[in-house]
Amino acid sequence: MITELAGKKVLNRYDLVQRVGDLPAGKPAAMTVVRDGKPVSLQVSVAECPTDEAAANNKPPRKEKGKTEEHTSTRMDKLGVAIADLTPEMAKQFGFKDKTAGAVVTEVEPGSLAAQAGLRPGMLVVKVDKKDVADAAAAHQAVDKADLQKGALLQIRTPDGGTDFVLLKESAEQK
């Protein structure tokens, strides 16, 4: 649970949305969250959410000619996303460290629940609802167990070492 953002108490989720919207893009801000009953201080920064068109055009980097990399993407149709195990070759391609584990986003359908939540190819899913996911199968299984009406919280790692949180929540109209 988020209790403070930029030095001000967060009263409810609507207040949080307003405070996040007021933060300047790219500037770090202090955030206090409660994890396992204990307050934890974090530094976060807001990035602009891509438009559906920009997200559609944001494809993973192309492989070098002559290099063949075999990976199997797992489609999660209800989210509009495909994920794959992060292989050492993919880690290098996307800029992650060799020993990084998780499920890398390989495709995002424009207008999908995943696109609306801000997922983009190259993001690495490392936790779903606070549970570690070491590969695509574990991420898929955890998302399948999640109640998307209540929301599934994904912890995302970026190649530069940053951590983002994405809430995948299905509205009544999307069901």
C-alpha atoms as a PDB file:
ATOM      1  CA  MET A   1       0.000   0.000   0.000  1.00  0.00           C
ATOM      2  CA  ILE A   2       1.289   3.471  -0.895  1.00  0.00           C
ATOM      3  CA  THR A   3       1.103   5.821   2.083  1.00  0.00           C
ATOM      4  CA  GLU A   4       3.118   8.874   0.948  1.00  0.00           C
ATOM      5  CA  LEU A   5       4.185  10.409  -2.345  1.00  0.00           C
ATOM      6  CA  ALA A   6       6.482  13.414  -2.724  1.00  0.00           C
ATOM      7  CA  GLY A   7       6.296  14.126   1.015  1.00  0.00           C
ATOM      8  CA  LYS A   8       2.471  14.156   1.226  1.00  0.00           C
ATOM      9  CA  LYS A   9       0.187  11.511   2.701  1.00  0.00           C
ATOM     10  CA  VAL A  10      -1.876   9.572   0.178  1.00  0.00           C
ATOM     11  CA  LEU A  11      -5.501   9.509   1.351  1.00  0.00           C
ATOM     12  CA  ASN A  12      -6.987   7.051  -1.159  1.00  0.00           C
ATOM     13  CA  ARG A  13      -6.489   5.717  -4.677  1.00  0.00           C
ATOM     14  CA  TYR A  14      -8.085   8.783  -6.255  1.00  0.00           C
ATOM     15  CA  ASP A  15      -5.715  11.025  -4.318  1.00  0.00           C
ATOM     16  CA  LEU A  16      -2.793   8.869  -5.509  1.00  0.00           C
ATOM     17  CA  VAL A  17      -3.862   9.207  -9.147  1.00  0.00           C
ATOM     18  CA  GLN A  18      -4.043  12.994  -8.740  1.00  0.00           C
ATOM     19  CA  ARG A  19      -0.619  13.180  -7.052  1.00  0.00           C
ATOM     20  CA  VAL A  20       1.013  11.001  -9.709  1.00  0.00           C
ATOM     21  CA  GLY A  21      -0.548  13.180 -12.400  1.00  0.00           C
ATOM     22  CA  ASP A  22       0.942  16.274 -10.758  1.00  0.00           C
ATOM     23  CA  LEU A  23       4.498  14.872 -10.740  1.00  0.00           C
ATOM     24  CA  PRO A  24       6.831  16.104 -13.482  1.00  0.00           C
ATOM     25  CA  ALA A  25       7.896  13.363 -15.894  1.00  0.00           C
ATOM     26  CA  GLY A  26      11.410  12.033 -15.369  1.00  0.00           C
ATOM     27  CA  LYS A  27      11.985  13.708 -11.977  1.00  0.00           C
ATOM     28  CA  PRO A  28      12.533  11.417  -8.962  1.00  0.00           C
ATOM     29  CA  ALA A  29      10.073  11.603  -6.067  1.00  0.00           C
ATOM     30  CA  ALA A  30      10.067   9.962  -2.641  1.00  0.00           C
ATOM     31  CA  MET A  31       7.422   7.308  -2.038  1.00  0.00           C
ATOM     32  CA  THR A  32       6.616   5.389   1.126  1.00  0.00           C
ATOM     33  CA  VAL A  33       4.881   2.045   0.855  1.00  0.00           C
ATOM     34  CA  VAL A  34       3.895  -0.587   3.398  1.00  0.00           C
ATOM     35  CA  ARG A  35       5.276  -4.033   2.599  1.00  0.00           C
ATOM     36  CA  ASP A  36       4.709  -6.945   4.936  1.00  0.00           C
ATOM     37  CA  GLY A  37       3.457  -4.481   7.550  1.00  0.00           C
ATOM     38  CA  LYS A  38       6.607  -2.311   7.484  1.00  0.00           C
ATOM     39  CA  PRO A  39       7.131   1.110   5.863  1.00  0.00           C
ATOM     40  CA  VAL A  40       9.622   1.121   2.996  1.00  0.00           C
ATOM     41  CA  SER A  41      11.006   4.267   1.324  1.00  0.00           C
ATOM     42  CA  LEU A  42      11.501   4.265  -2.443  1.00  0.00           C
ATOM     43  CA  GLN A  43      12.514   6.699  -5.157  1.00  0.00           C
ATOM     44  CA  VAL A  44      10.191   6.682  -8.153  1.00  0.00           C
ATOM     45  CA  SER A  45       9.855   8.703 -11.312  1.00  0.00           C
ATOM     46  CA  VAL A  46       6.944   9.107 -13.670  1.00  0.00           C
ATOM     47  CA  ALA A  47       7.310   8.390 -17.378  1.00  0.00           C
ATOM     48  CA  GLU A  48       4.907   9.452 -20.074  1.00  0.00           C
ATOM     49  CA  CYS A  49       2.516   6.705 -21.076  1.00  0.00           C
ATOM     50  CA  PRO A  50       2.829   5.952 -24.776  1.00  0.00           C
ATOM     51  CA  THR A  51      -0.155   6.404 -27.033  1.00  0.00           C
ATOM     52  CA  ASP A  52      -1.625   3.216 -28.480  1.00  0.00           C
ATOM     53  CA  GLU A  53       0.103   4.044 -31.773  1.00  0.00           C
ATOM     54  CA  ALA A  54       3.467   4.544 -30.068  1.00  0.00           C
ATOM     55  CA  ALA A  55       3.037   1.306 -28.103  1.00  0.00           C
ATOM     56  CA  ALA A  56       2.182  -0.555 -31.303  1.00  0.00           C
ATOM     57  CA  ASN A  57       5.340   0.745 -32.947  1.00  0.00           C
ATOM     58  CA  ASN A  58       7.515  -0.075 -29.925  1.00  0.00           C
ATOM     59  CA  LYS A  59       8.723  -3.485 -31.004  1.00  0.00           C
ATOM     60  CA  PRO A  60      11.714  -5.318 -29.555  1.00  0.00           C
ATOM     61  CA  PRO A  61      15.069  -4.612 -31.196  1.00  0.00           C
ATOM     62  CA  ARG A  62      15.763  -6.669 -34.306  1.00  0.00           C
ATOM     63  CA  LYS A  63      18.225  -9.514 -34.195  1.00  0.00           C
ATOM     64  CA  GLU A  64      21.451  -9.212 -36.111  1.00  0.00           C
ATOM     65  CA  LYS A  65      21.441 -10.920 -39.514  1.00  0.00           C
ATOM     66  CA  GLY A  66      22.617 -14.478 -39.404  1.00  0.00           C
ATOM     67  CA  LYS A  67      21.756 -14.890 -35.719  1.00  0.00           C
ATOM     68  CA  THR A  68      18.908 -17.196 -34.952  1.00  0.00           C
ATOM     69  CA  GLU A  69      17.441 -17.200 -31.529  1.00  0.00           C
ATOM     70  CA  GLU A  70      14.822 -19.742 -30.677  1.00  0.00           C
ATOM     71  CA  HIS A  71      12.316 -18.663 -28.082  1.00  0.00           C
ATOM     72  CA  THR A  72       8.734 -19.574 -27.605  1.00  0.00           C
ATOM     73  CA  SER A  73       6.350 -16.808 -26.713  1.00  0.00           C
ATOM     74  CA  THR A  74       3.396 -17.568 -24.510  1.00  0.00           C
ATOM     75  CA  ARG A  75       0.276 -15.637 -25.497  1.00  0.00           C
ATOM     76  CA  MET A  76      -2.042 -14.331 -22.835  1.00  0.00           C
ATOM     77  CA  ASP A  77      -5.007 -13.455 -25.024  1.00  0.00           C
ATOM     78  CA  LYS A  78      -7.183 -11.999 -22.276  1.00  0.00           C
ATOM     79  CA  LEU A  79      -4.434  -9.417 -21.636  1.00  0.00           C
ATOM     80  CA  GLY A  80      -3.345  -8.923 -25.244  1.00  0.00           C
ATOM     81  CA  VAL A  81       0.298  -9.706 -24.533  1.00  0.00           C
ATOM     82  CA  ALA A  82       2.916 -12.322 -25.371  1.00  0.00           C
ATOM     83  CA  ILE A  83       5.767 -13.180 -22.994  1.00  0.00           C
ATOM     84  CA  ALA A  84       8.813 -15.445 -23.214  1.00  0.00           C
ATOM     85  CA  ASP A  85      11.500 -16.816 -20.934  1.00  0.00           C
ATOM     86  CA  LEU A  86      14.402 -14.392 -20.676  1.00  0.00           C
ATOM     87  CA  THR A  87      17.267 -16.264 -22.298  1.00  0.00           C
ATOM     88  CA  PRO A  88      20.880 -15.037 -22.045  1.00  0.00           C
ATOM     89  CA  GLU A  89      20.645 -13.922 -25.689  1.00  0.00           C
ATOM     90  CA  MET A  90      17.445 -11.960 -25.052  1.00  0.00           C
ATOM     91  CA  ALA A  91      18.949 -10.455 -21.888  1.00  0.00           C
ATOM     92  CA  LYS A  92      21.829  -9.153 -24.001  1.00  0.00           C
ATOM     93  CA  GLN A  93      19.450  -7.967 -26.746  1.00  0.00           C
ATOM     94  CA  PHE A  94      17.275  -5.991 -24.319  1.00  0.00           C
ATOM     95  CA  GLY A  95      20.155  -4.849 -22.078  1.00  0.00           C
ATOM     96  CA  PHE A  96      19.525  -6.956 -18.962  1.00  0.00           C
ATOM     97  CA  LYS A  97      22.284  -8.539 -16.887  1.00  0.00           C
ATOM     98  CA  ASP A  98      23.066 -12.195 -17.640  1.00  0.00           C
ATOM     99  CA  LYS A  99      21.700 -13.630 -14.379  1.00  0.00           C
ATOM    100  CA  THR A 100      18.361 -11.792 -14.566  1.00  0.00           C
ATOM    101  CA  ALA A 101      15.271 -14.040 -14.406  1.00  0.00           C
ATOM    102  CA  GLY A 102      11.702 -13.364 -15.386  1.00  0.00           C
ATOM    103  CA  ALA A 103       9.312 -13.231 -18.316  1.00  0.00           C
ATOM    104  CA  VAL A 104      10.094 -10.688 -21.020  1.00  0.00           C
ATOM    105  CA  VAL A 105       7.223  -9.000 -22.842  1.00  0.00           C
ATOM    106  CA  THR A 106       7.639  -9.744 -26.557  1.00  0.00           C
ATOM    107  CA  GLU A 107       4.390  -8.334 -28.012  1.00  0.00           C
ATOM    108  CA  VAL A 108       1.591  -6.019 -26.896  1.00  0.00           C
ATOM    109  CA  GLU A 109      -1.627  -5.698 -28.877  1.00  0.00           C
ATOM    110  CA  PRO A 110      -2.703  -2.068 -29.373  1.00  0.00           C
ATOM    111  CA  GLY A 111      -5.781  -1.207 -27.309  1.00  0.00           C
ATOM    112  CA  SER A 112      -5.446  -4.342 -25.155  1.00  0.00           C
ATOM    113  CA  LEU A 113      -5.576  -4.441 -21.366  1.00  0.00           C
ATOM    114  CA  ALA A 114      -1.762  -4.777 -21.352  1.00  0.00           C
ATOM    115  CA  ALA A 115      -1.341  -1.739 -23.637  1.00  0.00           C
ATOM    116  CA  GLN A 116      -3.730   0.322 -21.518  1.00  0.00           C
ATOM    117  CA  ALA A 117      -1.679  -0.581 -18.429  1.00  0.00           C
ATOM    118  CA  GLY A 118       1.520   0.612 -20.135  1.00  0.00           C
ATOM    119  CA  LEU A 119       3.247  -2.703 -20.854  1.00  0.00           C
ATOM    120  CA  ARG A 120       5.713  -2.543 -23.740  1.00  0.00           C
ATOM    121  CA  PRO A 121       7.964  -5.073 -25.468  1.00  0.00           C
ATOM    122  CA  GLY A 122      11.267  -5.469 -23.635  1.00  0.00           C
ATOM    123  CA  MET A 123       9.810  -5.030 -20.137  1.00  0.00           C
ATOM    124  CA  LEU A 124      10.617  -7.873 -17.752  1.00  0.00           C
ATOM    125  CA  VAL A 125       7.925  -9.262 -15.441  1.00  0.00           C
ATOM    126  CA  VAL A 126       9.629 -10.388 -12.213  1.00  0.00           C
ATOM    127  CA  LYS A 127       6.646 -10.620  -9.816  1.00  0.00           C
ATOM    128  CA  VAL A 128       2.903 -11.078 -10.073  1.00  0.00           C
ATOM    129  CA  ASP A 129       0.924 -10.160  -6.956  1.00  0.00           C
ATOM    130  CA  LYS A 130       4.141 -10.116  -4.871  1.00  0.00           C
ATOM    131  CA  LYS A 131       5.170 -13.629  -5.963  1.00  0.00           C
ATOM    132  CA  ASP A 132       8.443 -14.092  -7.867  1.00  0.00           C
ATOM    133  CA  VAL A 133       8.152 -15.388 -11.415  1.00  0.00           C
ATOM    134  CA  ALA A 134      11.277 -16.961 -12.891  1.00  0.00           C
ATOM    135  CA  ASP A 135       9.946 -17.600 -16.393  1.00  0.00           C
ATOM    136  CA  ALA A 136       7.026 -17.168 -18.773  1.00  0.00           C
ATOM    137  CA  ALA A 137       5.178 -20.263 -17.533  1.00  0.00           C
ATOM    138  CA  ALA A 138       5.239 -19.037 -13.927  1.00  0.00           C
ATOM    139  CA  ALA A 139       4.082 -15.553 -14.977  1.00  0.00           C
ATOM    140  CA  HIS A 140       1.279 -17.009 -17.096  1.00  0.00           C
ATOM    141  CA  GLN A 141       0.150 -19.279 -14.265  1.00  0.00           C
ATOM    142  CA  ALA A 142       0.188 -16.419 -11.726  1.00  0.00           C
ATOM    143  CA  VAL A 143      -1.814 -14.117 -14.016  1.00  0.00           C
ATOM    144  CA  ASP A 144      -4.314 -16.919 -14.705  1.00  0.00           C
ATOM    145  CA  LYS A 145      -4.861 -17.296 -10.934  1.00  0.00           C
ATOM    146  CA  ALA A 146      -5.310 -13.545 -10.457  1.00  0.00           C
ATOM    147  CA  ASP A 147      -8.743 -11.954 -10.305  1.00  0.00           C
ATOM    148  CA  LEU A 148      -8.535  -9.257 -12.970  1.00  0.00           C
ATOM    149  CA  GLN A 149     -11.722  -7.669 -11.616  1.00  0.00           C
ATOM    150  CA  LYS A 150      -9.745  -6.837  -8.444  1.00  0.00           C
ATOM    151  CA  GLY A 151      -6.512  -6.345 -10.374  1.00  0.00           C
ATOM    152  CA  ALA A 152      -3.180  -8.115 -10.733  1.00  0.00           C
ATOM    153  CA  LEU A 153      -0.076  -6.196  -9.690  1.00  0.00           C
ATOM    154  CA  LEU A 154       2.991  -6.820 -11.851  1.00  0.00           C
ATOM    155  CA  GLN A 155       6.475  -5.789 -10.795  1.00  0.00           C
ATOM    156  CA  ILE A 156       8.422  -4.862 -13.906  1.00  0.00           C
ATOM    157  CA  ARG A 157      12.184  -4.470 -14.261  1.00  0.00           C
ATOM    158  CA  THR A 158      13.714  -2.247 -16.908  1.00  0.00           C
ATOM    159  CA  PRO A 159      17.177  -2.787 -18.434  1.00  0.00           C
ATOM    160  CA  ASP A 160      18.556   0.276 -16.624  1.00  0.00           C
ATOM    161  CA  GLY A 161      17.773  -1.368 -13.267  1.00  0.00           C
ATOM    162  CA  GLY A 162      14.555   0.529 -12.642  1.00  0.00           C
ATOM    163  CA  THR A 163      11.459  -1.051 -11.172  1.00  0.00           C
ATOM    164  CA  ASP A 164       7.906  -0.223 -12.186  1.00  0.00           C
ATOM    165  CA  PHE A 165       4.584  -1.527 -10.968  1.00  0.00           C
ATOM    166  CA  VAL A 166       1.743  -2.137 -13.397  1.00  0.00           C
ATOM    167  CA  LEU A 167      -1.819  -2.890 -12.362  1.00  0.00           C
ATOM    168  CA  LEU A 168      -3.767  -5.029 -14.798  1.00  0.00           C
ATOM    169  CA  LYS A 169      -7.429  -4.510 -14.023  1.00  0.00           C
ATOM    170  CA  GLU A 170     -10.396  -5.489 -16.112  1.00  0.00           C
ATOM    171  CA  SER A 171     -13.409  -3.188 -16.075  1.00  0.00           C
ATOM    172  CA  ALA A 172     -16.945  -4.554 -16.201  1.00  0.00           C
ATOM    173  CA  GLU A 173     -17.227  -3.528 -19.881  1.00  0.00           C
ATOM    174  CA  GLN A 174     -14.075  -5.499 -20.804  1.00  0.00           C
ATOM    175  CA  LYS A 175     -15.344  -8.775 -19.414  1.00  0.00           C
END
